[in-house]
Amino acid sequence: MTTIEEKIAALKEALASGASRVRYADREVQYRSLAEVRSILKDLEAERDGKAAAPRTTYASYWPD
């Protein structure tokens, strides 16, 4: 199993090279964009540091005609 530190290192390496494909131990992940890689990296670093990511809330609006 891959540790958080190994995932963080792989994501940082991918960002440095401009790649959006990352290999973790026995599997490979293709991210949609470098922005997604940065977002995942930020989440993993927060998890490692014991900081919970803020929950995201979406509100729907409806206006009748």
N, C-alpha and C. Protein backbone atom coordinates (compact mmCIF):
# COMPACT_ATOMS: atom_id res chain seq x y z
N MET A 1 0.84 -1.18 0.00
CA MET A 1 0.00 0.00 0.00
C MET A 1 0.88 1.25 0.00
N THR A 2 0.46 2.24 -0.72
CA THR A 2 1.21 3.48 -0.84
C THR A 2 0.88 4.41 0.32
N THR A 3 1.91 4.99 0.92
CA THR A 3 1.68 5.93 2.02
C THR A 3 1.36 7.31 1.48
N ILE A 4 0.82 8.15 2.35
CA ILE A 4 0.51 9.53 1.96
C ILE A 4 1.77 10.24 1.50
N GLU A 5 2.88 10.02 2.19
CA GLU A 5 4.14 10.67 1.82
C GLU A 5 4.59 10.27 0.41
N GLU A 6 4.41 9.01 0.06
CA GLU A 6 4.78 8.55 -1.28
C GLU A 6 3.88 9.18 -2.34
N LYS A 7 2.60 9.31 -2.03
CA LYS A 7 1.68 9.96 -2.97
C LYS A 7 2.02 11.43 -3.16
N ILE A 8 2.32 12.10 -2.05
CA ILE A 8 2.70 13.52 -2.13
C ILE A 8 3.95 13.69 -2.97
N ALA A 9 4.94 12.84 -2.76
CA ALA A 9 6.19 12.93 -3.53
C ALA A 9 5.92 12.70 -5.01
N ALA A 10 5.08 11.73 -5.34
CA ALA A 10 4.77 11.44 -6.75
C ALA A 10 4.03 12.61 -7.40
N LEU A 11 3.10 13.22 -6.67
CA LEU A 11 2.36 14.36 -7.21
C LEU A 11 3.27 15.57 -7.41
N LYS A 12 4.17 15.81 -6.46
CA LYS A 12 5.11 16.93 -6.61
C LYS A 12 6.03 16.71 -7.80
N GLU A 13 6.46 15.48 -8.01
CA GLU A 13 7.30 15.16 -9.15
C GLU A 13 6.54 15.38 -10.46
N ALA A 14 5.28 14.98 -10.49
CA ALA A 14 4.45 15.18 -11.68
C ALA A 14 4.27 16.67 -11.97
N LEU A 15 4.01 17.46 -10.94
CA LEU A 15 3.85 18.90 -11.13
C LEU A 15 5.14 19.53 -11.65
N ALA A 16 6.25 19.13 -11.11
CA ALA A 16 7.54 19.69 -11.53
C ALA A 16 7.82 19.40 -13.00
N SER A 17 7.36 18.25 -13.48
CA SER A 17 7.62 17.89 -14.87
C SER A 17 6.48 18.28 -15.80
N GLY A 18 5.37 18.76 -15.23
CA GLY A 18 4.22 19.16 -16.05
C GLY A 18 3.37 17.99 -16.50
N ALA A 19 3.52 16.85 -15.85
CA ALA A 19 2.77 15.66 -16.23
C ALA A 19 1.49 15.56 -15.41
N SER A 20 0.45 14.98 -16.01
CA SER A 20 -0.79 14.76 -15.26
C SER A 20 -1.04 13.27 -15.03
N ARG A 21 -0.05 12.46 -15.35
CA ARG A 21 -0.13 11.01 -15.12
C ARG A 21 0.85 10.67 -14.00
N VAL A 22 0.34 9.96 -12.97
CA VAL A 22 1.15 9.67 -11.78
C VAL A 22 1.10 8.18 -11.50
N ARG A 23 2.24 7.62 -11.14
CA ARG A 23 2.32 6.20 -10.79
C ARG A 23 2.53 6.07 -9.29
N TYR A 24 1.63 5.30 -8.66
CA TYR A 24 1.72 4.97 -7.24
C TYR A 24 1.94 3.48 -7.15
N ALA A 25 3.10 3.08 -6.72
CA ALA A 25 3.41 1.66 -6.53
C ALA A 25 2.99 0.84 -7.75
N ASP A 26 1.86 0.12 -7.67
CA ASP A 26 1.46 -0.79 -8.74
C ASP A 26 0.34 -0.24 -9.62
N ARG A 27 -0.04 1.04 -9.46
CA ARG A 27 -1.10 1.57 -10.31
C ARG A 27 -0.74 2.95 -10.85
N GLU A 28 -1.39 3.30 -11.93
CA GLU A 28 -1.13 4.58 -12.58
C GLU A 28 -2.45 5.36 -12.67
N VAL A 29 -2.38 6.66 -12.37
CA VAL A 29 -3.58 7.50 -12.39
C VAL A 29 -3.36 8.63 -13.38
N GLN A 30 -4.37 8.85 -14.24
CA GLN A 30 -4.34 9.95 -15.20
C GLN A 30 -5.29 11.02 -14.70
N TYR A 31 -4.77 12.17 -14.29
CA TYR A 31 -5.61 13.27 -13.84
C TYR A 31 -6.02 14.12 -15.03
N ARG A 32 -7.15 14.83 -14.91
CA ARG A 32 -7.67 15.62 -16.02
C ARG A 32 -6.83 16.85 -16.32
N SER A 33 -6.21 17.41 -15.28
CA SER A 33 -5.43 18.63 -15.48
C SER A 33 -4.41 18.79 -14.35
N LEU A 34 -3.49 19.72 -14.54
CA LEU A 34 -2.53 20.01 -13.47
C LEU A 34 -3.24 20.68 -12.29
N ALA A 35 -4.32 21.39 -12.56
CA ALA A 35 -5.10 22.00 -11.48
C ALA A 35 -5.67 20.91 -10.57
N GLU A 36 -6.11 19.81 -11.16
CA GLU A 36 -6.62 18.70 -10.37
C GLU A 36 -5.49 18.08 -9.54
N VAL A 37 -4.30 17.97 -10.12
CA VAL A 37 -3.15 17.43 -9.39
C VAL A 37 -2.85 18.33 -8.19
N ARG A 38 -2.85 19.65 -8.40
CA ARG A 38 -2.60 20.59 -7.31
C ARG A 38 -3.65 20.46 -6.20
N SER A 39 -4.91 20.29 -6.60
CA SER A 39 -5.99 20.16 -5.62
C SER A 39 -5.83 18.90 -4.78
N ILE A 40 -5.51 17.79 -5.43
CA ILE A 40 -5.30 16.51 -4.72
C ILE A 40 -4.10 16.63 -3.80
N LEU A 41 -3.04 17.27 -4.28
CA LEU A 41 -1.83 17.46 -3.47
C LEU A 41 -2.17 18.27 -2.22
N LYS A 42 -2.92 19.34 -2.37
CA LYS A 42 -3.32 20.18 -1.24
C LYS A 42 -4.13 19.36 -0.23
N ASP A 43 -5.06 18.54 -0.71
CA ASP A 43 -5.87 17.70 0.17
C ASP A 43 -5.02 16.67 0.92
N LEU A 44 -4.08 16.05 0.22
CA LEU A 44 -3.21 15.05 0.86
C LEU A 44 -2.32 15.69 1.91
N GLU A 45 -1.79 16.89 1.61
CA GLU A 45 -0.95 17.57 2.60
C GLU A 45 -1.76 17.96 3.83
N ALA A 46 -3.01 18.38 3.64
CA ALA A 46 -3.88 18.70 4.77
C ALA A 46 -4.17 17.45 5.60
N GLU A 47 -4.40 16.33 4.92
CA GLU A 47 -4.64 15.06 5.63
C GLU A 47 -3.41 14.66 6.42
N ARG A 48 -2.24 14.79 5.81
CA ARG A 48 -1.00 14.43 6.48
C ARG A 48 -0.76 15.30 7.71
N ASP A 49 -1.10 16.59 7.59
CA ASP A 49 -0.86 17.53 8.68
C ASP A 49 -1.97 17.51 9.73
N GLY A 50 -2.97 16.65 9.52
CA GLY A 50 -4.04 16.51 10.49
C GLY A 50 -5.11 17.58 10.38
N LYS A 51 -5.11 18.30 9.29
CA LYS A 51 -6.12 19.34 9.08
C LYS A 51 -7.21 18.77 8.18
N ALA A 52 -8.40 18.83 8.66
CA ALA A 52 -9.52 18.33 7.86
C ALA A 52 -9.85 19.37 6.78
N ALA A 53 -10.10 18.89 5.61
CA ALA A 53 -10.50 19.80 4.53
C ALA A 53 -11.88 20.35 4.84
N ALA A 54 -12.07 21.61 4.55
CA ALA A 54 -13.38 22.22 4.80
C ALA A 54 -14.42 21.57 3.90
N PRO A 55 -15.56 21.24 4.46
CA PRO A 55 -16.60 20.63 3.62
C PRO A 55 -17.10 21.62 2.58
N ARG A 56 -17.40 21.11 1.43
CA ARG A 56 -17.90 21.95 0.35
C ARG A 56 -19.42 21.82 0.30
N THR A 57 -20.08 22.94 0.19
CA THR A 57 -21.54 22.96 0.14
C THR A 57 -21.99 23.65 -1.13
N THR A 58 -22.93 23.04 -1.80
CA THR A 58 -23.51 23.62 -3.01
C THR A 58 -24.99 23.84 -2.75
N TYR A 59 -25.47 25.03 -3.07
CA TYR A 59 -26.87 25.35 -2.91
C TYR A 59 -27.52 25.51 -4.28
N ALA A 60 -28.65 24.90 -4.44
CA ALA A 60 -29.40 25.04 -5.69
C ALA A 60 -30.45 26.13 -5.51
N SER A 61 -30.69 26.87 -6.55
CA SER A 61 -31.72 27.91 -6.53
C SER A 61 -32.76 27.63 -7.59
N TYR A 62 -33.97 28.04 -7.30
CA TYR A 62 -35.05 27.84 -8.26
C TYR A 62 -35.93 29.07 -8.26
N TRP A 63 -36.13 29.62 -9.43
CA TRP A 63 -37.03 30.75 -9.59
C TRP A 63 -38.14 30.34 -10.54
N PRO A 64 -39.37 30.33 -10.04
CA PRO A 64 -40.47 29.98 -10.94
C PRO A 64 -40.68 31.07 -12.00
N ASP A 65 -41.17 30.68 -13.14
CA ASP A 65 -41.39 31.64 -14.22
C ASP A 65 -42.52 32.59 -13.92
